[in-house]
N, C-alpha and C. Protein backbone atom coordinates (compact mmCIF):
# COMPACT_ATOMS: atom_id res chain seq x y z
N MET A 1 82.20 30.74 -104.50
CA MET A 1 81.42 31.93 -104.81
C MET A 1 80.02 31.83 -104.20
N SER A 2 79.43 30.64 -104.16
CA SER A 2 78.08 30.50 -103.60
C SER A 2 78.09 30.74 -102.09
N LEU A 3 79.20 30.46 -101.42
CA LEU A 3 79.30 30.74 -99.99
C LEU A 3 79.22 32.25 -99.74
N PHE A 4 79.88 33.00 -100.60
CA PHE A 4 79.85 34.46 -100.49
C PHE A 4 78.45 35.01 -100.70
N THR A 5 77.74 34.52 -101.69
CA THR A 5 76.38 35.00 -101.95
C THR A 5 75.43 34.60 -100.82
N ALA A 6 75.66 33.42 -100.25
CA ALA A 6 74.83 32.99 -99.12
C ALA A 6 75.07 33.90 -97.91
N LEU A 7 76.31 34.31 -97.70
CA LEU A 7 76.64 35.21 -96.59
C LEU A 7 75.97 36.57 -96.80
N ILE A 8 76.03 37.08 -98.00
CA ILE A 8 75.39 38.37 -98.31
C ILE A 8 73.88 38.27 -98.11
N ALA A 9 73.29 37.17 -98.54
CA ALA A 9 71.84 37.00 -98.39
C ALA A 9 71.44 36.94 -96.92
N SER A 10 72.24 36.28 -96.08
CA SER A 10 71.91 36.20 -94.66
C SER A 10 72.04 37.56 -93.98
N ILE A 11 72.99 38.37 -94.41
CA ILE A 11 73.15 39.70 -93.84
C ILE A 11 71.94 40.57 -94.21
N ARG A 12 71.47 40.46 -95.43
CA ARG A 12 70.30 41.23 -95.86
C ARG A 12 69.07 40.85 -95.03
N ARG A 13 68.88 39.57 -94.78
CA ARG A 13 67.72 39.14 -93.98
C ARG A 13 67.81 39.69 -92.57
N ASP A 14 69.02 39.72 -92.00
CA ASP A 14 69.18 40.24 -90.65
C ASP A 14 68.82 41.72 -90.58
N GLU A 15 69.20 42.49 -91.59
CA GLU A 15 68.90 43.92 -91.60
C GLU A 15 67.41 44.16 -91.73
N GLU A 16 66.71 43.35 -92.51
CA GLU A 16 65.27 43.51 -92.65
C GLU A 16 64.57 43.22 -91.33
N GLY A 17 65.03 42.22 -90.62
CA GLY A 17 64.46 41.90 -89.31
C GLY A 17 64.72 43.01 -88.31
N GLN A 18 65.89 43.60 -88.39
CA GLN A 18 66.23 44.70 -87.49
C GLN A 18 65.34 45.91 -87.77
N GLY A 19 65.10 46.20 -89.03
CA GLY A 19 64.23 47.33 -89.38
C GLY A 19 62.81 47.11 -88.89
N LEU A 20 62.33 45.88 -89.00
CA LEU A 20 61.00 45.55 -88.53
C LEU A 20 60.90 45.73 -87.01
N ALA A 21 61.94 45.33 -86.31
CA ALA A 21 61.95 45.48 -84.85
C ALA A 21 61.96 46.96 -84.46
N GLU A 22 62.68 47.77 -85.22
CA GLU A 22 62.71 49.20 -84.92
C GLU A 22 61.34 49.83 -85.13
N TYR A 23 60.65 49.45 -86.20
CA TYR A 23 59.30 49.97 -86.43
C TYR A 23 58.35 49.53 -85.31
N ALA A 24 58.50 48.30 -84.86
CA ALA A 24 57.65 47.81 -83.77
C ALA A 24 57.90 48.60 -82.49
N LEU A 25 59.15 48.93 -82.21
CA LEU A 25 59.46 49.72 -81.01
C LEU A 25 58.89 51.13 -81.12
N ILE A 26 58.97 51.72 -82.30
CA ILE A 26 58.41 53.06 -82.50
C ILE A 26 56.90 53.03 -82.30
N LEU A 27 56.23 52.03 -82.87
CA LEU A 27 54.79 51.92 -82.71
C LEU A 27 54.40 51.71 -81.25
N ALA A 28 55.18 50.90 -80.54
CA ALA A 28 54.90 50.68 -79.12
C ALA A 28 55.07 51.98 -78.33
N LEU A 29 56.09 52.75 -78.64
CA LEU A 29 56.30 54.02 -77.95
C LEU A 29 55.16 54.99 -78.23
N ILE A 30 54.70 55.06 -79.47
CA ILE A 30 53.57 55.93 -79.81
C ILE A 30 52.32 55.49 -79.06
N ALA A 31 52.09 54.18 -78.98
CA ALA A 31 50.92 53.67 -78.28
C ALA A 31 50.99 54.02 -76.79
N ILE A 32 52.15 53.91 -76.19
CA ILE A 32 52.30 54.22 -74.77
C ILE A 32 52.04 55.71 -74.52
N VAL A 33 52.57 56.56 -75.40
CA VAL A 33 52.35 58.01 -75.25
C VAL A 33 50.87 58.34 -75.42
N ALA A 34 50.20 57.70 -76.37
CA ALA A 34 48.77 57.95 -76.58
C ALA A 34 47.95 57.51 -75.37
N ILE A 35 48.29 56.37 -74.79
CA ILE A 35 47.56 55.87 -73.62
C ILE A 35 47.76 56.81 -72.43
N ILE A 36 48.99 57.27 -72.23
CA ILE A 36 49.26 58.19 -71.12
C ILE A 36 48.51 59.50 -71.33
N ALA A 37 48.48 59.99 -72.56
CA ALA A 37 47.75 61.23 -72.85
C ALA A 37 46.26 61.05 -72.59
N LEU A 38 45.71 59.92 -72.96
CA LEU A 38 44.28 59.67 -72.70
C LEU A 38 43.99 59.56 -71.21
N ILE A 39 44.91 59.00 -70.46
CA ILE A 39 44.70 58.89 -69.01
C ILE A 39 44.64 60.27 -68.38
N PHE A 40 45.58 61.14 -68.77
CA PHE A 40 45.63 62.47 -68.15
C PHE A 40 44.59 63.43 -68.71
N LEU A 41 44.25 63.30 -69.98
CA LEU A 41 43.32 64.24 -70.61
C LEU A 41 41.94 63.65 -70.84
N GLY A 42 41.71 62.42 -70.43
CA GLY A 42 40.46 61.73 -70.71
C GLY A 42 39.23 62.42 -70.17
N THR A 43 39.30 62.91 -68.94
CA THR A 43 38.12 63.56 -68.35
C THR A 43 37.81 64.87 -69.05
N GLN A 44 38.83 65.61 -69.44
CA GLN A 44 38.61 66.88 -70.14
C GLN A 44 37.99 66.63 -71.51
N VAL A 45 38.49 65.64 -72.22
CA VAL A 45 37.95 65.32 -73.54
C VAL A 45 36.52 64.82 -73.41
N SER A 46 36.25 64.01 -72.40
CA SER A 46 34.91 63.50 -72.17
C SER A 46 33.93 64.64 -71.89
N THR A 47 34.35 65.61 -71.11
CA THR A 47 33.50 66.76 -70.80
C THR A 47 33.19 67.56 -72.06
N ILE A 48 34.19 67.79 -72.88
CA ILE A 48 34.00 68.55 -74.12
C ILE A 48 33.06 67.82 -75.06
N LEU A 49 33.26 66.51 -75.20
CA LEU A 49 32.39 65.73 -76.08
C LEU A 49 30.96 65.69 -75.56
N SER A 50 30.77 65.66 -74.25
CA SER A 50 29.43 65.67 -73.67
C SER A 50 28.73 67.00 -73.96
N LYS A 51 29.46 68.08 -73.85
CA LYS A 51 28.88 69.41 -74.15
C LYS A 51 28.49 69.51 -75.62
N VAL A 52 29.35 68.99 -76.51
CA VAL A 52 29.04 69.03 -77.93
C VAL A 52 27.82 68.17 -78.23
N GLY A 53 27.76 66.99 -77.63
CA GLY A 53 26.62 66.10 -77.84
C GLY A 53 25.33 66.68 -77.31
N ALA A 54 25.39 67.38 -76.19
CA ALA A 54 24.19 67.98 -75.62
C ALA A 54 23.70 69.16 -76.45
N SER A 55 24.62 69.86 -77.06
CA SER A 55 24.22 71.02 -77.86
C SER A 55 23.65 70.62 -79.20
N VAL A 56 23.93 69.44 -79.66
CA VAL A 56 23.39 68.95 -80.94
C VAL A 56 22.02 68.40 -80.66
């Protein structure tokens, strides 16, 4: 019976590790999209922020 419980416990640990890896991949994808957006829109955002700063 203890062999069976040990097997169930090892399966649970594997699923938790898999979930953590999936969250890490999602976070990496979000970071990549944010970096690409900043590269393409960075000059426009900088211009807008400069205008707001100058008007204050």
